[in-house]
Amino acid sequence: MDYSLPAWLGALIGTVVAVAVYVPAIRIVDRHLRAQGGSTTLEEREDFESRIALVRRSILGIDIAILATLGYWIGKALAGAGGPPAPH
């Protein structure tokens, strides 16, 4: 497995983009979930809040996994595109 600096920088940039995208995305999802949640009792409210927290963590994890991987691949492709051809 090749661990090049451009690939890792691409993964880092992808992670930063993922965190930047997370903030507006979670606001939209949070607003939507809270509009649907008509919990009345304390137990229902606590259960609802724990589900929202799980959704937030899931969105962040998936967001980082996808964008960091995409950044890694882009960095690896850009590093390979500018280098000398491989000997045969």
N, C-alpha and C. Protein backbone atom coordinates (compact mmCIF):
# COMPACT_ATOMS: atom_id res chain seq x y z
N MET A 1 0.84 -1.17 0.00
CA MET A 1 0.00 0.00 0.00
C MET A 1 0.89 1.24 0.00
N ASP A 2 0.55 2.21 -0.82
CA ASP A 2 1.35 3.41 -0.99
C ASP A 2 0.83 4.52 -0.08
N TYR A 3 1.71 5.06 0.75
CA TYR A 3 1.34 6.17 1.63
C TYR A 3 2.11 7.42 1.20
N SER A 4 1.57 8.13 0.24
CA SER A 4 2.25 9.33 -0.24
C SER A 4 1.74 10.56 0.50
N LEU A 5 2.59 11.56 0.56
CA LEU A 5 2.23 12.81 1.22
C LEU A 5 1.02 13.48 0.57
N PRO A 6 0.96 13.58 -0.76
CA PRO A 6 -0.23 14.20 -1.37
C PRO A 6 -1.53 13.46 -1.04
N ALA A 7 -1.45 12.15 -0.96
CA ALA A 7 -2.66 11.38 -0.62
C ALA A 7 -3.12 11.70 0.79
N TRP A 8 -2.18 11.76 1.73
CA TRP A 8 -2.54 12.07 3.11
C TRP A 8 -3.00 13.51 3.27
N LEU A 9 -2.40 14.42 2.52
CA LEU A 9 -2.88 15.81 2.55
C LEU A 9 -4.29 15.90 1.97
N GLY A 10 -4.55 15.13 0.93
CA GLY A 10 -5.90 15.07 0.38
C GLY A 10 -6.90 14.55 1.39
N ALA A 11 -6.51 13.52 2.14
CA ALA A 11 -7.39 12.98 3.18
C ALA A 11 -7.64 14.01 4.28
N LEU A 12 -6.60 14.76 4.65
CA LEU A 12 -6.76 15.80 5.66
C LEU A 12 -7.70 16.90 5.17
N ILE A 13 -7.53 17.32 3.94
CA ILE A 13 -8.41 18.34 3.36
C ILE A 13 -9.84 17.82 3.28
N GLY A 14 -10.00 16.55 2.90
CA GLY A 14 -11.33 15.94 2.87
C GLY A 14 -11.99 15.92 4.23
N THR A 15 -11.20 15.67 5.28
CA THR A 15 -11.73 15.67 6.64
C THR A 15 -12.17 17.07 7.05
N VAL A 16 -11.37 18.06 6.71
CA VAL A 16 -11.73 19.45 7.04
C VAL A 16 -13.02 19.85 6.32
N VAL A 17 -13.13 19.47 5.05
CA VAL A 17 -14.35 19.77 4.29
C VAL A 17 -15.54 19.04 4.92
N ALA A 18 -15.33 17.80 5.35
CA ALA A 18 -16.42 17.03 5.98
C ALA A 18 -16.94 17.72 7.23
N VAL A 19 -16.05 18.24 8.05
CA VAL A 19 -16.47 18.94 9.27
C VAL A 19 -17.19 20.24 8.91
N ALA A 20 -16.70 20.93 7.87
CA ALA A 20 -17.35 22.18 7.45
C ALA A 20 -18.74 21.91 6.89
N VAL A 21 -18.92 20.79 6.20
CA VAL A 21 -20.23 20.44 5.64
C VAL A 21 -21.17 19.94 6.74
N TYR A 22 -20.61 19.35 7.78
CA TYR A 22 -21.40 18.79 8.87
C TYR A 22 -22.28 19.83 9.55
N VAL A 23 -21.74 21.00 9.79
CA VAL A 23 -22.47 22.02 10.55
C VAL A 23 -23.80 22.41 9.88
N PRO A 24 -23.80 22.82 8.60
CA PRO A 24 -25.10 23.16 8.00
C PRO A 24 -26.00 21.94 7.80
N ALA A 25 -25.39 20.79 7.51
CA ALA A 25 -26.20 19.59 7.29
C ALA A 25 -26.92 19.17 8.57
N ILE A 26 -26.22 19.22 9.70
CA ILE A 26 -26.85 18.78 10.94
C ILE A 26 -27.92 19.76 11.39
N ARG A 27 -27.77 21.02 11.05
CA ARG A 27 -28.83 22.00 11.39
C ARG A 27 -30.12 21.65 10.66
N ILE A 28 -30.00 21.29 9.39
CA ILE A 28 -31.19 20.93 8.60
C ILE A 28 -31.84 19.67 9.16
N VAL A 29 -31.02 18.65 9.42
CA VAL A 29 -31.55 17.39 9.95
C VAL A 29 -32.14 17.59 11.33
N ASP A 30 -31.45 18.33 12.18
CA ASP A 30 -31.93 18.58 13.54
C ASP A 30 -33.27 19.31 13.52
N ARG A 31 -33.38 20.32 12.68
CA ARG A 31 -34.63 21.07 12.56
C ARG A 31 -35.78 20.15 12.11
N HIS A 32 -35.48 19.30 11.14
CA HIS A 32 -36.49 18.37 10.62
C HIS A 32 -36.93 17.36 11.69
N LEU A 33 -35.96 16.79 12.40
CA LEU A 33 -36.30 15.80 13.43
C LEU A 33 -37.07 16.43 14.59
N ARG A 34 -36.67 17.61 14.98
CA ARG A 34 -37.38 18.27 16.10
C ARG A 34 -38.80 18.67 15.71
N ALA A 35 -39.01 18.98 14.44
CA ALA A 35 -40.37 19.31 13.98
C ALA A 35 -41.28 18.09 14.04
N GLN A 36 -40.71 16.90 13.84
CA GLN A 36 -41.50 15.67 13.87
C GLN A 36 -41.68 15.13 15.28
N GLY A 37 -40.76 15.44 16.18
CA GLY A 37 -40.78 14.86 17.52
C GLY A 37 -41.75 15.57 18.44
N GLY A 38 -42.89 14.99 18.65
CA GLY A 38 -43.88 15.57 19.55
C GLY A 38 -43.94 14.81 20.86
N SER A 39 -42.77 14.58 21.47
CA SER A 39 -42.75 13.80 22.71
C SER A 39 -43.33 14.62 23.87
N THR A 40 -44.02 13.94 24.74
CA THR A 40 -44.71 14.63 25.82
C THR A 40 -44.09 14.32 27.18
N THR A 41 -43.75 13.08 27.45
CA THR A 41 -43.22 12.73 28.76
C THR A 41 -41.71 12.92 28.79
N LEU A 42 -41.16 12.93 29.98
CA LEU A 42 -39.73 13.09 30.17
C LEU A 42 -38.97 11.92 29.55
N GLU A 43 -39.49 10.70 29.74
CA GLU A 43 -38.83 9.51 29.19
C GLU A 43 -38.80 9.55 27.66
N GLU A 44 -39.92 9.97 27.06
CA GLU A 44 -39.96 10.07 25.60
C GLU A 44 -38.99 11.14 25.10
N ARG A 45 -38.90 12.22 25.84
CA ARG A 45 -38.00 13.31 25.47
C ARG A 45 -36.54 12.87 25.55
N GLU A 46 -36.17 12.15 26.60
CA GLU A 46 -34.81 11.64 26.75
C GLU A 46 -34.47 10.65 25.64
N ASP A 47 -35.41 9.78 25.31
CA ASP A 47 -35.21 8.82 24.22
C ASP A 47 -35.04 9.54 22.89
N PHE A 48 -35.84 10.56 22.67
CA PHE A 48 -35.76 11.35 21.45
C PHE A 48 -34.41 12.05 21.34
N GLU A 49 -33.94 12.65 22.43
CA GLU A 49 -32.65 13.34 22.44
C GLU A 49 -31.50 12.37 22.20
N SER A 50 -31.59 11.17 22.75
CA SER A 50 -30.52 10.19 22.52
C SER A 50 -30.50 9.73 21.06
N ARG A 51 -31.67 9.62 20.44
CA ARG A 51 -31.72 9.26 19.02
C ARG A 51 -31.15 10.37 18.15
N ILE A 52 -31.43 11.62 18.51
CA ILE A 52 -30.87 12.74 17.75
C ILE A 52 -29.34 12.74 17.87
N ALA A 53 -28.82 12.47 19.07
CA ALA A 53 -27.37 12.41 19.26
C ALA A 53 -26.76 11.29 18.42
N LEU A 54 -27.43 10.15 18.34
CA LEU A 54 -26.95 9.04 17.52
C LEU A 54 -26.93 9.42 16.04
N VAL A 55 -27.96 10.10 15.58
CA VAL A 55 -28.03 10.54 14.19
C VAL A 55 -26.91 11.53 13.90
N ARG A 56 -26.64 12.44 14.81
CA ARG A 56 -25.55 13.40 14.63
C ARG A 56 -24.20 12.71 14.48
N ARG A 57 -23.92 11.77 15.38
CA ARG A 57 -22.65 11.04 15.31
C ARG A 57 -22.54 10.23 14.03
N SER A 58 -23.64 9.62 13.62
CA SER A 58 -23.64 8.83 12.39
C SER A 58 -23.37 9.70 11.16
N ILE A 59 -24.01 10.84 11.10
CA ILE A 59 -23.81 11.75 9.97
C ILE A 59 -22.36 12.21 9.92
N LEU A 60 -21.80 12.58 11.05
CA LEU A 60 -20.40 13.03 11.08
C LEU A 60 -19.46 11.91 10.67
N GLY A 61 -19.67 10.72 11.18
CA GLY A 61 -18.80 9.59 10.84
C GLY A 61 -18.85 9.24 9.36
N ILE A 62 -20.04 9.18 8.81
CA ILE A 62 -20.19 8.86 7.39
C ILE A 62 -19.61 9.98 6.53
N ASP A 63 -19.87 11.21 6.92
CA ASP A 63 -19.36 12.38 6.21
C ASP A 63 -17.83 12.35 6.15
N ILE A 64 -17.20 12.13 7.28
CA ILE A 64 -15.73 12.09 7.33
C ILE A 64 -15.20 10.90 6.55
N ALA A 65 -15.81 9.75 6.70
CA ALA A 65 -15.33 8.57 5.98
C ALA A 65 -15.37 8.77 4.47
N ILE A 66 -16.45 9.30 3.97
CA ILE A 66 -16.59 9.48 2.52
C ILE A 66 -15.65 10.57 2.00
N LEU A 67 -15.66 11.73 2.63
CA LEU A 67 -14.86 12.84 2.11
C LEU A 67 -13.36 12.66 2.35
N ALA A 68 -12.96 12.04 3.44
CA ALA A 68 -11.53 11.77 3.66
C ALA A 68 -11.03 10.75 2.64
N THR A 69 -11.82 9.73 2.37
CA THR A 69 -11.44 8.75 1.36
C THR A 69 -11.37 9.38 -0.01
N LEU A 70 -12.33 10.20 -0.35
CA LEU A 70 -12.33 10.89 -1.63
C LEU A 70 -11.11 11.81 -1.74
N GLY A 71 -10.79 12.55 -0.69
CA GLY A 71 -9.61 13.40 -0.69
C GLY A 71 -8.33 12.60 -0.84
N TYR A 72 -8.26 11.44 -0.19
CA TYR A 72 -7.10 10.56 -0.31
C TYR A 72 -6.91 10.12 -1.76
N TRP A 73 -8.00 9.68 -2.38
CA TRP A 73 -7.91 9.22 -3.78
C TRP A 73 -7.53 10.36 -4.72
N ILE A 74 -8.10 11.53 -4.50
CA ILE A 74 -7.76 12.67 -5.35
C ILE A 74 -6.30 13.05 -5.17
N GLY A 75 -5.82 13.09 -3.93
CA GLY A 75 -4.41 13.40 -3.68
C GLY A 75 -3.49 12.38 -4.30
N LYS A 76 -3.86 11.11 -4.21
CA LYS A 76 -3.05 10.04 -4.80
C LYS A 76 -3.04 10.15 -6.32
N ALA A 77 -4.18 10.47 -6.91
CA ALA A 77 -4.28 10.60 -8.37
C ALA A 77 -3.47 11.80 -8.85
N LEU A 78 -3.54 12.91 -8.14
CA LEU A 78 -2.78 14.10 -8.54
C LEU A 78 -1.28 13.87 -8.39
N ALA A 79 -0.89 13.14 -7.38
CA ALA A 79 0.54 12.85 -7.19
C ALA A 79 1.04 11.92 -8.29
N GLY A 80 0.20 10.98 -8.68
CA GLY A 80 0.60 10.05 -9.74
C GLY A 80 0.58 10.68 -11.11
N ALA A 81 -0.24 11.70 -11.31
CA ALA A 81 -0.36 12.32 -12.63
C ALA A 81 0.85 13.19 -12.95
N GLY A 82 1.50 13.74 -11.94
CA GLY A 82 2.61 14.65 -12.19
C GLY A 82 3.98 13.97 -12.15
N GLY A 83 4.04 12.73 -11.76
CA GLY A 83 5.32 12.04 -11.63
C GLY A 83 5.82 11.47 -12.94
N PRO A 84 7.06 10.99 -12.93
CA PRO A 84 7.61 10.40 -14.14
C PRO A 84 6.95 9.06 -14.42
N PRO A 85 6.97 8.63 -15.67
CA PRO A 85 6.36 7.34 -15.99
C PRO A 85 7.12 6.20 -15.33
N ALA A 86 6.42 5.16 -15.00
CA ALA A 86 7.02 4.00 -14.37
C ALA A 86 7.86 3.23 -15.38
N PRO A 87 9.04 2.71 -14.97
CA PRO A 87 9.86 1.94 -15.90
C PRO A 87 9.19 0.60 -16.21
N HIS A 88 9.41 0.13 -17.41
CA HIS A 88 8.81 -1.15 -17.82
C HIS A 88 9.79 -2.25 -17.71
